[in-house]
Each structure stands twice: as structure tokens, then as C-alpha cells.
Amino acid sequence: MTKLTIIGAGSTVFTKNIVVDLLTIDQFKTIEIALMDIDKNRLIKTKEVLEIISKKMGITPKISIHTNRKEALIDTEFVQTTIQVGGYKPSTVIDFEVPKKFGLNQTIADTLGVGGIMRSLRTIPVLLDIAEDIDQICSKAIWMQYVNPMCTNMIAINKAYPKIKSIGLCHSVQGTAEMLAEDLNEKINDINYQCAGINHMAFFQKFGKFIYLSLKVR
């Protein structure tokens, strides 16, 4: 049975979206999912939501909750991290407010600038602790890393633990494509695009509608 460990599973909406996508794939309908977070109450809510969805889908994944990270990582084949060190309050709010006092307006503050740097400084040590656990407990697992600031985090992970199979992921490209299509009053399925760059600093090189050709067979 395939096992996925989600660290930061107290983020109910994000976890739900990822897991539901997996459960629509035949090979993962009986997947084992270890939900790990430091907040047990949020974990319980996430588990309840996933169980309700699984029941409606008529499938039986094995879902467990853990506040002990090392326990959750035992025998796992895939690891997903979706944490926010310090939370939105107070940490992210501070990332906005301190630069603002000096005339620097941040947006998300999780990529570049003062806010991005500070978020990196408080997040990287935690991710390296997770990396150490993965290296010791499930060194062959594939680590899907969603935590921002993505680039700085992945640079730190790859330098400190180059043997770990880790990949930085973000929905920014497809999310932006969907928003652009909406702005143009077009359906995203009708759009063909080419994008290049790195997380949160990507550029669309091509963006337009598919051209459908109707061919008559004689």
C-alpha cells in the first residue's frame, strides 16, 4: 500500500484539495495517508473532512493523525510539506507591517524583499529539521515541498541534504493561467500557453487560444 505523509495537514482546505485529487486515481483509492501537524484539533477536522469525502466517493483510504513527526514518517514513500512557520499572525503580518513603516509595500512577502528574507530565515531551520528526519527514517521517499519561499527553501534543502529526492512545487503557473483566461473571458481549456522561470517569478512567453482545424476526409 502506498503511503503519503502530509506535514502541516492542519491546513484543511489545502490538504483536502491535494488528497481528493489523489483519490480520483484508481491506484490511490486505498492509499495510506498520515496526517501530521502540531495542532491536534485541526488535524481531527481535516481527518473528518477526508473521511466524509471518501465515504461519498465509495473508497477506503487508510487515514491516521499524528502530532509526532517521526512517527508519521515511518515507512512512508511520499512526503508533502505545507507548513507556515509562525502562522499568518503574528509572523506574516509582521512581514507586511515592518517594511511598510519604511515605505516598502509588500504583497505576499513570501518570495523576495524584506518579508521574503525574514520568512526564509524562520522557515529554513524547520525544513532542515524535517529533512534530517526524512534522511534518517525514510531516505528513499520523494519529498514534495510546497512551503514558501520556495526557491530559498529548496536551495537550503538541496545544499544540506543533496541525496534526498526533493522537489519544490507551486500552483502559481496554472493558477495565473486560469486568472488570465478569466480576465479574457475565455475558458482555460481553450488556452495554449508556454511559461518559463522559477517559482513566483515566472513569465508567460506564449498565451493564446487553440486553433481548431476542421478537415474533410474525401
N, C-alpha and C. Protein backbone atom coordinates (compact mmCIF):
# COMPACT_ATOMS: atom_id res chain seq x y z
N MET A 1 0.84 -1.20 0.00
CA MET A 1 0.00 0.00 0.00
C MET A 1 0.88 1.25 0.00
N THR A 2 0.60 2.17 -0.91
CA THR A 2 1.35 3.42 -0.98
C THR A 2 1.03 4.29 0.22
N LYS A 3 2.06 4.92 0.79
CA LYS A 3 1.85 5.79 1.95
C LYS A 3 2.34 7.20 1.67
N LEU A 4 1.50 8.16 2.00
CA LEU A 4 1.83 9.59 1.89
C LEU A 4 1.75 10.22 3.26
N THR A 5 2.79 10.94 3.65
CA THR A 5 2.77 11.68 4.91
C THR A 5 2.68 13.17 4.60
N ILE A 6 1.66 13.82 5.15
CA ILE A 6 1.47 15.26 4.93
C ILE A 6 1.83 15.99 6.21
N ILE A 7 2.90 16.75 6.18
CA ILE A 7 3.34 17.54 7.33
C ILE A 7 2.77 18.95 7.18
N GLY A 8 1.90 19.32 8.11
CA GLY A 8 1.17 20.58 8.00
C GLY A 8 -0.26 20.31 7.55
N ALA A 9 -0.76 19.11 7.86
CA ALA A 9 -2.09 18.70 7.41
C ALA A 9 -3.22 19.44 8.12
N GLY A 10 -2.87 20.26 9.12
CA GLY A 10 -3.89 21.08 9.77
C GLY A 10 -4.44 22.14 8.84
N SER A 11 -3.77 22.36 7.72
CA SER A 11 -4.28 23.24 6.67
C SER A 11 -5.33 22.44 5.90
N THR A 12 -6.56 22.48 6.40
CA THR A 12 -7.62 21.58 5.94
C THR A 12 -7.93 21.72 4.45
N VAL A 13 -8.10 22.96 3.98
CA VAL A 13 -8.50 23.17 2.59
C VAL A 13 -7.42 22.69 1.63
N PHE A 14 -6.17 23.05 1.90
CA PHE A 14 -5.07 22.64 1.02
C PHE A 14 -4.93 21.13 1.01
N THR A 15 -4.98 20.53 2.19
CA THR A 15 -4.86 19.07 2.29
C THR A 15 -6.00 18.38 1.57
N LYS A 16 -7.21 18.90 1.75
CA LYS A 16 -8.39 18.31 1.09
C LYS A 16 -8.21 18.32 -0.42
N ASN A 17 -7.79 19.44 -0.97
CA ASN A 17 -7.64 19.55 -2.43
C ASN A 17 -6.62 18.55 -2.97
N ILE A 18 -5.49 18.43 -2.29
CA ILE A 18 -4.44 17.50 -2.73
C ILE A 18 -4.93 16.06 -2.64
N VAL A 19 -5.51 15.70 -1.50
CA VAL A 19 -5.93 14.31 -1.27
C VAL A 19 -7.06 13.91 -2.21
N VAL A 20 -8.03 14.79 -2.41
CA VAL A 20 -9.15 14.47 -3.31
C VAL A 20 -8.64 14.19 -4.72
N ASP A 21 -7.67 14.98 -5.18
CA ASP A 21 -7.07 14.73 -6.49
C ASP A 21 -6.47 13.33 -6.55
N LEU A 22 -5.79 12.93 -5.48
CA LEU A 22 -5.17 11.60 -5.44
C LEU A 22 -6.23 10.50 -5.44
N LEU A 23 -7.31 10.72 -4.70
CA LEU A 23 -8.32 9.68 -4.55
C LEU A 23 -9.11 9.42 -5.83
N THR A 24 -9.01 10.32 -6.79
CA THR A 24 -9.69 10.10 -8.07
C THR A 24 -8.88 9.17 -8.98
N ILE A 25 -7.64 8.87 -8.57
CA ILE A 25 -6.78 7.97 -9.34
C ILE A 25 -6.94 6.55 -8.81
N ASP A 26 -7.22 5.62 -9.66
CA ASP A 26 -7.51 4.24 -9.24
C ASP A 26 -6.44 3.65 -8.33
N GLN A 27 -5.18 3.89 -8.66
CA GLN A 27 -4.08 3.29 -7.89
C GLN A 27 -4.01 3.81 -6.46
N PHE A 28 -4.66 4.96 -6.19
CA PHE A 28 -4.55 5.56 -4.86
C PHE A 28 -5.85 5.50 -4.04
N LYS A 29 -6.80 4.73 -4.48
CA LYS A 29 -8.09 4.68 -3.77
C LYS A 29 -7.97 4.01 -2.40
N THR A 30 -6.92 3.23 -2.20
CA THR A 30 -6.70 2.61 -0.89
C THR A 30 -5.38 3.09 -0.27
N ILE A 31 -4.96 4.29 -0.66
CA ILE A 31 -3.71 4.85 -0.17
C ILE A 31 -3.72 5.03 1.34
N GLU A 32 -2.56 4.92 1.96
CA GLU A 32 -2.42 5.22 3.39
C GLU A 32 -1.93 6.66 3.52
N ILE A 33 -2.66 7.45 4.29
CA ILE A 33 -2.32 8.86 4.45
C ILE A 33 -2.09 9.16 5.93
N ALA A 34 -0.88 9.61 6.24
CA ALA A 34 -0.55 10.01 7.61
C ALA A 34 -0.61 11.53 7.69
N LEU A 35 -1.57 12.04 8.44
CA LEU A 35 -1.74 13.48 8.60
C LEU A 35 -0.96 13.93 9.83
N MET A 36 -0.02 14.85 9.65
CA MET A 36 0.79 15.30 10.77
C MET A 36 0.71 16.81 10.92
N ASP A 37 0.54 17.28 12.15
CA ASP A 37 0.51 18.71 12.45
C ASP A 37 0.77 18.88 13.95
N ILE A 38 1.13 20.09 14.34
CA ILE A 38 1.34 20.36 15.77
C ILE A 38 0.02 20.70 16.46
N ASP A 39 -1.02 20.95 15.67
CA ASP A 39 -2.34 21.29 16.20
C ASP A 39 -3.28 20.10 16.03
N LYS A 40 -3.51 19.37 17.10
CA LYS A 40 -4.32 18.15 17.02
C LYS A 40 -5.77 18.44 16.65
N ASN A 41 -6.31 19.54 17.14
CA ASN A 41 -7.71 19.87 16.85
C ASN A 41 -7.92 20.08 15.35
N ARG A 42 -7.00 20.76 14.70
CA ARG A 42 -7.11 20.98 13.27
C ARG A 42 -6.92 19.67 12.50
N LEU A 43 -6.05 18.81 13.03
CA LEU A 43 -5.86 17.50 12.42
C LEU A 43 -7.14 16.70 12.42
N ILE A 44 -7.83 16.72 13.54
CA ILE A 44 -9.08 15.98 13.67
C ILE A 44 -10.10 16.47 12.65
N LYS A 45 -10.18 17.79 12.46
CA LYS A 45 -11.12 18.36 11.49
C LYS A 45 -10.76 17.92 10.07
N THR A 46 -9.46 17.94 9.77
CA THR A 46 -9.02 17.52 8.43
C THR A 46 -9.38 16.06 8.18
N LYS A 47 -9.14 15.21 9.17
CA LYS A 47 -9.46 13.79 9.04
C LYS A 47 -10.96 13.58 8.83
N GLU A 48 -11.78 14.31 9.56
CA GLU A 48 -13.23 14.19 9.42
C GLU A 48 -13.68 14.56 8.01
N VAL A 49 -13.10 15.65 7.47
CA VAL A 49 -13.46 16.09 6.12
C VAL A 49 -13.08 15.02 5.09
N LEU A 50 -11.88 14.47 5.21
CA LEU A 50 -11.42 13.46 4.27
C LEU A 50 -12.24 12.18 4.36
N GLU A 51 -12.66 11.83 5.56
CA GLU A 51 -13.48 10.63 5.73
C GLU A 51 -14.86 10.81 5.11
N ILE A 52 -15.42 12.00 5.24
CA ILE A 52 -16.73 12.28 4.64
C ILE A 52 -16.63 12.19 3.11
N ILE A 53 -15.58 12.79 2.56
CA ILE A 53 -15.38 12.77 1.11
C ILE A 53 -15.15 11.34 0.62
N SER A 54 -14.33 10.58 1.35
CA SER A 54 -14.03 9.20 0.97
C SER A 54 -15.30 8.36 0.96
N LYS A 55 -16.14 8.57 1.95
CA LYS A 55 -17.40 7.81 2.04
C LYS A 55 -18.29 8.11 0.84
N LYS A 56 -18.37 9.39 0.47
CA LYS A 56 -19.20 9.77 -0.68
C LYS A 56 -18.64 9.20 -1.97
N MET A 57 -17.30 9.06 -2.03
CA MET A 57 -16.67 8.51 -3.22
C MET A 57 -16.71 6.98 -3.24
N GLY A 58 -17.10 6.39 -2.12
CA GLY A 58 -17.17 4.94 -2.04
C GLY A 58 -15.82 4.26 -1.99
N ILE A 59 -14.83 4.91 -1.38
CA ILE A 59 -13.48 4.35 -1.31
C ILE A 59 -13.00 4.32 0.14
N THR A 60 -11.91 3.57 0.39
CA THR A 60 -11.49 3.36 1.77
C THR A 60 -9.99 3.59 1.96
N PRO A 61 -9.52 4.83 1.87
CA PRO A 61 -8.11 5.09 2.19
C PRO A 61 -7.88 4.93 3.69
N LYS A 62 -6.67 4.59 4.06
CA LYS A 62 -6.33 4.46 5.48
C LYS A 62 -5.77 5.79 5.96
N ILE A 63 -6.50 6.45 6.85
CA ILE A 63 -6.11 7.79 7.29
C ILE A 63 -5.80 7.78 8.78
N SER A 64 -4.63 8.30 9.14
CA SER A 64 -4.24 8.39 10.55
C SER A 64 -3.76 9.80 10.87
N ILE A 65 -3.82 10.20 12.13
CA ILE A 65 -3.36 11.53 12.54
C ILE A 65 -2.20 11.40 13.53
N HIS A 66 -1.27 12.34 13.43
CA HIS A 66 -0.07 12.29 14.25
C HIS A 66 0.38 13.70 14.63
N THR A 67 0.81 13.86 15.86
CA THR A 67 1.47 15.10 16.27
C THR A 67 2.97 14.86 16.40
N ASN A 68 3.37 13.58 16.30
CA ASN A 68 4.79 13.21 16.32
C ASN A 68 5.26 13.00 14.88
N ARG A 69 6.14 13.86 14.41
CA ARG A 69 6.57 13.83 13.01
C ARG A 69 7.32 12.55 12.66
N LYS A 70 8.21 12.13 13.53
CA LYS A 70 9.00 10.93 13.25
C LYS A 70 8.10 9.70 13.13
N GLU A 71 7.11 9.63 13.95
CA GLU A 71 6.15 8.52 13.90
C GLU A 71 5.39 8.51 12.57
N ALA A 72 5.01 9.70 12.11
CA ALA A 72 4.25 9.82 10.86
C ALA A 72 5.08 9.43 9.65
N LEU A 73 6.39 9.57 9.73
CA LEU A 73 7.27 9.31 8.59
C LEU A 73 7.66 7.85 8.41
N ILE A 74 7.37 7.01 9.37
CA ILE A 74 7.76 5.60 9.29
C ILE A 74 7.12 4.92 8.08
N ASP A 75 7.95 4.29 7.26
CA ASP A 75 7.52 3.51 6.09
C ASP A 75 6.82 4.34 5.01
N THR A 76 6.97 5.65 5.03
CA THR A 76 6.31 6.45 4.01
C THR A 76 7.11 6.48 2.71
N GLU A 77 6.41 6.59 1.60
CA GLU A 77 7.05 6.64 0.28
C GLU A 77 7.05 8.05 -0.29
N PHE A 78 6.10 8.86 0.20
CA PHE A 78 5.99 10.25 -0.26
C PHE A 78 5.77 11.15 0.94
N VAL A 79 6.43 12.30 0.92
CA VAL A 79 6.27 13.30 1.98
C VAL A 79 5.84 14.60 1.35
N GLN A 80 4.88 15.25 1.96
CA GLN A 80 4.43 16.56 1.49
C GLN A 80 4.51 17.55 2.65
N THR A 81 5.11 18.71 2.41
CA THR A 81 5.19 19.74 3.45
C THR A 81 4.36 20.95 3.05
N THR A 82 3.47 21.35 3.96
CA THR A 82 2.60 22.51 3.71
C THR A 82 2.48 23.31 5.01
N ILE A 83 3.61 23.71 5.55
CA ILE A 83 3.61 24.41 6.83
C ILE A 83 3.80 25.91 6.65
N GLN A 84 3.47 26.67 7.69
CA GLN A 84 3.77 28.11 7.70
C GLN A 84 4.32 28.44 9.08
N VAL A 85 5.62 28.58 9.17
CA VAL A 85 6.27 28.81 10.45
C VAL A 85 5.88 30.18 11.00
N GLY A 86 5.33 30.20 12.18
CA GLY A 86 4.89 31.45 12.80
C GLY A 86 3.46 31.83 12.46
N GLY A 87 2.87 31.14 11.47
CA GLY A 87 1.48 31.41 11.10
C GLY A 87 1.31 32.76 10.43
N TYR A 88 0.09 32.99 9.97
CA TYR A 88 -0.20 34.30 9.37
C TYR A 88 -0.08 35.41 10.42
N LYS A 89 -0.62 35.12 11.60
CA LYS A 89 -0.46 36.02 12.74
C LYS A 89 0.33 35.28 13.80
N PRO A 90 1.44 35.87 14.29
CA PRO A 90 1.87 37.24 14.01
C PRO A 90 2.84 37.38 12.83
N SER A 91 3.47 36.27 12.42
CA SER A 91 4.66 36.38 11.57
C SER A 91 4.44 37.06 10.23
N THR A 92 3.47 36.57 9.43
CA THR A 92 3.27 37.15 8.10
C THR A 92 2.81 38.60 8.19
N VAL A 93 2.00 38.90 9.17
CA VAL A 93 1.54 40.29 9.36
C VAL A 93 2.75 41.19 9.65
N ILE A 94 3.68 40.70 10.44
CA ILE A 94 4.90 41.46 10.74
C ILE A 94 5.70 41.69 9.46
N ASP A 95 5.73 40.67 8.58
CA ASP A 95 6.44 40.82 7.31
C ASP A 95 5.87 41.97 6.48
N PHE A 96 4.57 42.23 6.65
CA PHE A 96 3.93 43.35 5.94
C PHE A 96 4.19 44.68 6.65
N GLU A 97 3.97 44.67 7.95
CA GLU A 97 3.92 45.92 8.72
C GLU A 97 5.28 46.58 8.90
N VAL A 98 6.33 45.81 9.17
CA VAL A 98 7.65 46.41 9.40
C VAL A 98 8.17 47.12 8.14
N PRO A 99 8.19 46.48 6.96
CA PRO A 99 8.63 47.20 5.76
C PRO A 99 7.76 48.42 5.44
N LYS A 100 6.46 48.29 5.76
CA LYS A 100 5.52 49.39 5.48
C LYS A 100 5.90 50.65 6.23
N LYS A 101 6.43 50.51 7.44
CA LYS A 101 6.84 51.66 8.24
C LYS A 101 7.97 52.44 7.57
N PHE A 102 8.70 51.74 6.68
CA PHE A 102 9.83 52.38 6.00
C PHE A 102 9.53 52.64 4.53
N GLY A 103 8.24 52.62 4.18
CA GLY A 103 7.81 52.96 2.83
C GLY A 103 7.92 51.83 1.82
N LEU A 104 8.08 50.60 2.29
CA LEU A 104 8.18 49.45 1.40
C LEU A 104 6.90 48.62 1.50
N ASN A 105 6.11 48.63 0.44
CA ASN A 105 4.86 47.88 0.45
C ASN A 105 5.08 46.47 -0.09
N GLN A 106 4.84 45.48 0.77
CA GLN A 106 4.95 44.08 0.38
C GLN A 106 3.61 43.60 -0.17
N THR A 107 3.63 42.54 -0.97
CA THR A 107 2.37 41.92 -1.40
C THR A 107 2.18 40.64 -0.59
N ILE A 108 2.68 39.53 -1.10
CA ILE A 108 2.58 38.27 -0.35
C ILE A 108 3.74 38.13 0.61
N ALA A 109 4.88 38.69 0.25
CA ALA A 109 6.07 38.68 1.12
C ALA A 109 6.57 37.28 1.41
N ASP A 110 6.43 36.37 0.45
CA ASP A 110 6.95 35.03 0.68
C ASP A 110 7.93 34.60 -0.42
N THR A 111 8.44 35.58 -1.17
CA THR A 111 9.38 35.25 -2.24
C THR A 111 10.64 36.10 -2.15
N LEU A 112 10.49 37.40 -2.29
CA LEU A 112 11.62 38.32 -2.31
C LEU A 112 11.41 39.44 -1.31
N GLY A 113 12.35 40.37 -1.28
CA GLY A 113 12.21 41.54 -0.42
C GLY A 113 12.41 41.22 1.04
N VAL A 114 12.17 42.21 1.88
CA VAL A 114 12.38 42.07 3.32
C VAL A 114 11.54 40.93 3.88
N GLY A 115 10.26 40.92 3.50
CA GLY A 115 9.35 39.88 4.02
C GLY A 115 9.79 38.50 3.61
N GLY A 116 10.20 38.34 2.37
CA GLY A 116 10.64 37.04 1.89
C GLY A 116 11.89 36.56 2.60
N ILE A 117 12.82 37.49 2.85
CA ILE A 117 14.05 37.14 3.55
C ILE A 117 13.75 36.68 4.97
N MET A 118 12.90 37.43 5.67
CA MET A 118 12.58 37.07 7.05
C MET A 118 11.82 35.75 7.12
N ARG A 119 10.95 35.53 6.15
CA ARG A 119 10.21 34.27 6.13
C ARG A 119 11.18 33.10 5.89
N SER A 120 12.17 33.32 5.03
CA SER A 120 13.19 32.28 4.80
C SER A 120 13.94 31.96 6.08
N LEU A 121 14.34 33.01 6.79
CA LEU A 121 15.16 32.82 7.98
C LEU A 121 14.44 32.04 9.07
N ARG A 122 13.12 32.19 9.16
CA ARG A 122 12.41 31.44 10.19
C ARG A 122 11.93 30.07 9.71
N THR A 123 11.89 29.88 8.37
CA THR A 123 11.36 28.63 7.82
C THR A 123 12.43 27.60 7.54
N ILE A 124 13.57 28.02 7.01
CA ILE A 124 14.63 27.08 6.62
C ILE A 124 15.08 26.17 7.77
N PRO A 125 15.31 26.68 8.99
CA PRO A 125 15.72 25.78 10.07
C PRO A 125 14.71 24.66 10.33
N VAL A 126 13.42 24.97 10.23
CA VAL A 126 12.38 23.96 10.45
C VAL A 126 12.41 22.92 9.34
N LEU A 127 12.55 23.37 8.09
CA LEU A 127 12.60 22.44 6.96
C LEU A 127 13.84 21.54 7.04
N LEU A 128 14.94 22.08 7.53
CA LEU A 128 16.15 21.25 7.67
C LEU A 128 15.98 20.21 8.77
N ASP A 129 15.21 20.54 9.80
CA ASP A 129 14.87 19.54 10.83
C ASP A 129 14.04 18.41 10.21
N ILE A 130 13.08 18.79 9.35
CA ILE A 130 12.26 17.79 8.66
C ILE A 130 13.13 16.95 7.74
N ALA A 131 14.06 17.61 7.05
CA ALA A 131 14.97 16.91 6.15
C ALA A 131 15.80 15.87 6.91
N GLU A 132 16.25 16.22 8.09
CA GLU A 132 17.03 15.28 8.89
C GLU A 132 16.21 14.05 9.25
N ASP A 133 14.93 14.28 9.61
CA ASP A 133 14.04 13.15 9.92
C ASP A 133 13.83 12.26 8.70
N ILE A 134 13.60 12.89 7.54
CA ILE A 134 13.40 12.13 6.31
C ILE A 134 14.66 11.31 5.99
N ASP A 135 15.81 11.92 6.15
CA ASP A 135 17.08 11.26 5.86
C ASP A 135 17.28 10.05 6.75
N GLN A 136 16.85 10.14 7.99
CA GLN A 136 17.06 9.06 8.95
C GLN A 136 15.97 7.99 8.90
N ILE A 137 14.73 8.40 8.60
CA ILE A 137 13.60 7.48 8.73
C ILE A 137 13.12 6.91 7.39
N CYS A 138 13.08 7.74 6.36
CA CYS A 138 12.54 7.30 5.06
C CYS A 138 13.36 7.92 3.93
N SER A 139 14.62 7.60 3.89
CA SER A 139 15.57 8.26 2.98
C SER A 139 15.24 8.05 1.50
N LYS A 140 14.46 7.04 1.18
CA LYS A 140 14.12 6.77 -0.22
C LYS A 140 12.82 7.47 -0.65
N ALA A 141 12.18 8.15 0.28
CA ALA A 141 10.90 8.81 -0.03
C ALA A 141 11.12 10.00 -0.96
N ILE A 142 10.08 10.32 -1.70
CA ILE A 142 10.08 11.52 -2.55
C ILE A 142 9.41 12.64 -1.77
N TRP A 143 10.11 13.76 -1.63
CA TRP A 143 9.62 14.89 -0.83
C TRP A 143 9.04 15.95 -1.75
N MET A 144 7.74 16.19 -1.63
CA MET A 144 7.06 17.23 -2.41
C MET A 144 6.91 18.45 -1.51
N GLN A 145 7.69 19.47 -1.80
CA GLN A 145 7.87 20.61 -0.90
C GLN A 145 7.07 21.82 -1.41
N TYR A 146 6.02 22.18 -0.66
CA TYR A 146 5.14 23.29 -1.06
C TYR A 146 5.37 24.57 -0.26
N VAL A 147 6.29 24.54 0.69
CA VAL A 147 6.43 25.68 1.60
C VAL A 147 7.22 26.82 0.96
N ASN A 148 6.71 28.02 1.08
CA ASN A 148 7.39 29.23 0.60
C ASN A 148 8.24 29.86 1.69
N PRO A 149 9.25 30.62 1.30
CA PRO A 149 9.70 30.98 -0.05
C PRO A 149 10.36 29.79 -0.74
N MET A 150 9.76 29.35 -1.83
CA MET A 150 10.14 28.09 -2.45
C MET A 150 11.61 28.03 -2.84
N CYS A 151 12.10 29.04 -3.54
CA CYS A 151 13.47 28.98 -4.06
C CYS A 151 14.51 28.92 -2.96
N THR A 152 14.42 29.80 -1.99
CA THR A 152 15.41 29.80 -0.91
C THR A 152 15.32 28.51 -0.10
N ASN A 153 14.11 28.04 0.13
CA ASN A 153 13.93 26.81 0.89
C ASN A 153 14.57 25.62 0.18
N MET A 154 14.34 25.52 -1.12
CA MET A 154 14.88 24.39 -1.88
C MET A 154 16.39 24.47 -2.01
N ILE A 155 16.93 25.67 -2.13
CA ILE A 155 18.39 25.83 -2.18
C ILE A 155 19.00 25.29 -0.89
N ALA A 156 18.39 25.65 0.25
CA ALA A 156 18.90 25.20 1.55
C ALA A 156 18.80 23.69 1.69
N ILE A 157 17.66 23.13 1.31
CA ILE A 157 17.46 21.68 1.42
C ILE A 157 18.45 20.93 0.54
N ASN A 158 18.59 21.37 -0.71
CA ASN A 158 19.47 20.67 -1.64
C ASN A 158 20.94 20.76 -1.25
N LYS A 159 21.33 21.88 -0.64
CA LYS A 159 22.72 22.02 -0.21
C LYS A 159 23.00 21.17 1.03
N ALA A 160 22.06 21.13 1.96
CA ALA A 160 22.28 20.41 3.21
C ALA A 160 22.04 18.90 3.06
N TYR A 161 21.06 18.53 2.22
CA TYR A 161 20.72 17.12 2.06
C TYR A 161 20.55 16.79 0.57
N PRO A 162 21.65 16.79 -0.18
CA PRO A 162 21.57 16.58 -1.63
C PRO A 162 21.05 15.20 -2.04
N LYS A 163 21.15 14.21 -1.15
CA LYS A 163 20.73 12.86 -1.51
C LYS A 163 19.22 12.65 -1.38
N ILE A 164 18.54 13.55 -0.69
CA ILE A 164 17.09 13.43 -0.56
C ILE A 164 16.43 13.79 -1.89
N LYS A 165 15.45 13.00 -2.30
CA LYS A 165 14.72 13.27 -3.53
C LYS A 165 13.62 14.29 -3.23
N SER A 166 13.96 15.55 -3.43
CA SER A 166 13.01 16.62 -3.09
C SER A 166 12.72 17.47 -4.33
N ILE A 167 11.50 17.97 -4.38
CA ILE A 167 11.09 18.83 -5.49
C ILE A 167 10.20 19.94 -4.95
N GLY A 168 10.47 21.16 -5.40
CA GLY A 168 9.65 22.30 -4.98
C GLY A 168 8.46 22.46 -5.92
N LEU A 169 7.28 22.56 -5.36
CA LEU A 169 6.06 22.64 -6.17
C LEU A 169 5.24 23.87 -5.79
N CYS A 170 4.51 24.40 -6.78
CA CYS A 170 3.63 25.54 -6.54
C CYS A 170 2.56 25.56 -7.61
N HIS A 171 1.40 26.09 -7.27
CA HIS A 171 0.29 26.17 -8.23
C HIS A 171 0.27 27.53 -8.92
N SER A 172 1.35 28.29 -8.83
CA SER A 172 1.33 29.67 -9.34
C SER A 172 1.15 29.74 -10.85
N VAL A 173 1.77 28.81 -11.59
CA VAL A 173 1.68 28.88 -13.06
C VAL A 173 0.26 28.60 -13.52
N GLN A 174 -0.29 27.44 -13.12
CA GLN A 174 -1.65 27.13 -13.57
C GLN A 174 -2.69 28.07 -12.97
N GLY A 175 -2.44 28.53 -11.75
CA GLY A 175 -3.36 29.48 -11.13
C GLY A 175 -3.39 30.80 -11.89
N THR A 176 -2.21 31.29 -12.26
CA THR A 176 -2.13 32.53 -13.03
C THR A 176 -2.75 32.37 -14.41
N ALA A 177 -2.51 31.23 -15.02
CA ALA A 177 -3.11 30.97 -16.34
C ALA A 177 -4.63 31.02 -16.28
N GLU A 178 -5.18 30.45 -15.23
CA GLU A 178 -6.65 30.46 -15.07
C GLU A 178 -7.17 31.88 -14.88
N MET A 179 -6.43 32.68 -14.11
CA MET A 179 -6.87 34.06 -13.88
C MET A 179 -6.79 34.89 -15.16
N LEU A 180 -5.74 34.67 -15.95
CA LEU A 180 -5.60 35.40 -17.21
C LEU A 180 -6.72 35.02 -18.17
N ALA A 181 -7.05 33.73 -18.21
CA ALA A 181 -8.14 33.27 -19.08
C ALA A 181 -9.46 33.91 -18.65
N GLU A 182 -9.67 34.00 -17.36
CA GLU A 182 -10.89 34.63 -16.84
C GLU A 182 -10.95 36.11 -17.22
N ASP A 183 -9.81 36.79 -17.12
CA ASP A 183 -9.75 38.21 -17.50
C ASP A 183 -10.09 38.41 -18.97
N LEU A 184 -9.75 37.40 -19.78
CA LEU A 184 -10.00 37.48 -21.22
C LEU A 184 -11.36 36.90 -21.61
N ASN A 185 -12.12 36.49 -20.58
CA ASN A 185 -13.43 35.85 -20.82
C ASN A 185 -13.31 34.61 -21.69
N GLU A 186 -12.25 33.85 -21.45
CA GLU A 186 -12.03 32.60 -22.18
C GLU A 186 -12.00 31.43 -21.20
N LYS A 187 -12.23 30.23 -21.72
CA LYS A 187 -12.14 29.02 -20.92
C LYS A 187 -10.70 28.54 -20.91
N ILE A 188 -10.22 28.15 -19.73
CA ILE A 188 -8.81 27.75 -19.61
C ILE A 188 -8.51 26.55 -20.50
N ASN A 189 -9.49 25.67 -20.74
CA ASN A 189 -9.26 24.50 -21.58
C ASN A 189 -9.04 24.87 -23.05
N ASP A 190 -9.40 26.10 -23.41
CA ASP A 190 -9.20 26.57 -24.78
C ASP A 190 -7.89 27.33 -24.96
N ILE A 191 -7.13 27.44 -23.88
CA ILE A 191 -5.91 28.25 -23.90
C ILE A 191 -4.67 27.38 -24.04
N ASN A 192 -3.75 27.82 -24.88
CA ASN A 192 -2.45 27.18 -25.04
C ASN A 192 -1.39 28.17 -24.55
N TYR A 193 -0.56 27.76 -23.60
CA TYR A 193 0.43 28.70 -23.10
C TYR A 193 1.78 28.03 -22.87
N GLN A 194 2.81 28.88 -22.87
CA GLN A 194 4.17 28.44 -22.58
C GLN A 194 4.73 29.35 -21.50
N CYS A 195 5.26 28.76 -20.45
CA CYS A 195 5.71 29.55 -19.31
C CYS A 195 7.13 29.13 -18.92
N ALA A 196 7.95 30.09 -18.51
CA ALA A 196 9.32 29.79 -18.10
C ALA A 196 9.68 30.65 -16.89
N GLY A 197 10.60 30.14 -16.08
CA GLY A 197 11.03 30.90 -14.91
C GLY A 197 11.05 30.04 -13.67
N ILE A 198 11.09 30.66 -12.51
CA ILE A 198 11.10 29.95 -11.24
C ILE A 198 9.89 30.37 -10.42
N ASN A 199 9.68 29.68 -9.33
CA ASN A 199 8.51 29.90 -8.51
C ASN A 199 8.28 31.37 -8.16
N HIS A 200 7.08 31.87 -8.48
CA HIS A 200 6.66 33.24 -8.22
C HIS A 200 7.42 34.27 -9.05
N MET A 201 8.27 33.81 -9.96
CA MET A 201 8.97 34.72 -10.86
C MET A 201 8.96 34.13 -12.26
N ALA A 202 7.80 33.63 -12.66
CA ALA A 202 7.65 33.01 -13.97
C ALA A 202 7.07 34.01 -14.96
N PHE A 203 7.35 33.78 -16.24
CA PHE A 203 6.88 34.68 -17.29
C PHE A 203 6.21 33.86 -18.38
N PHE A 204 5.04 34.32 -18.81
CA PHE A 204 4.34 33.67 -19.90
C PHE A 204 4.93 34.14 -21.23
N GLN A 205 5.52 33.22 -21.96
CA GLN A 205 6.11 33.55 -23.25
C GLN A 205 5.08 33.48 -24.37
N LYS A 206 4.10 32.59 -24.19
CA LYS A 206 3.01 32.48 -25.16
C LYS A 206 1.71 32.26 -24.38
N PHE A 207 0.66 32.89 -24.87
CA PHE A 207 -0.64 32.72 -24.20
C PHE A 207 -1.73 33.04 -25.22
N GLY A 208 -2.45 32.02 -25.66
CA GLY A 208 -3.48 32.26 -26.66
C GLY A 208 -4.41 31.07 -26.81
N LYS A 209 -5.41 31.23 -27.65
CA LYS A 209 -6.40 30.18 -27.85
C LYS A 209 -5.87 29.12 -28.81
N PHE A 210 -6.32 27.89 -28.59
CA PHE A 210 -6.04 26.83 -29.53
C PHE A 210 -6.73 27.16 -30.85
N ILE A 211 -6.13 26.76 -31.95
CA ILE A 211 -6.76 26.90 -33.26
C ILE A 211 -7.21 25.52 -33.71
N TYR A 212 -8.52 25.37 -33.82
CA TYR A 212 -9.06 24.07 -34.21
C TYR A 212 -9.26 24.04 -35.71
N LEU A 213 -8.77 23.00 -36.35
CA LEU A 213 -8.90 22.85 -37.79
C LEU A 213 -9.89 21.73 -38.10
N SER A 214 -10.82 22.02 -38.96
CA SER A 214 -11.80 21.03 -39.37
C SER A 214 -11.39 20.50 -40.74
N LEU A 215 -11.07 19.22 -40.77
CA LEU A 215 -10.60 18.61 -42.01
C LEU A 215 -11.68 17.69 -42.58
N LYS A 216 -11.93 17.81 -43.88
CA LYS A 216 -12.88 16.93 -44.55
C LYS A 216 -12.14 15.79 -45.22
N VAL A 217 -12.60 14.60 -44.91
CA VAL A 217 -11.99 13.42 -45.50
C VAL A 217 -12.76 13.03 -46.76
N ARG A 218 -12.04 12.97 -47.88
CA ARG A 218 -12.70 12.63 -49.15
C ARG A 218 -12.47 11.17 -49.50
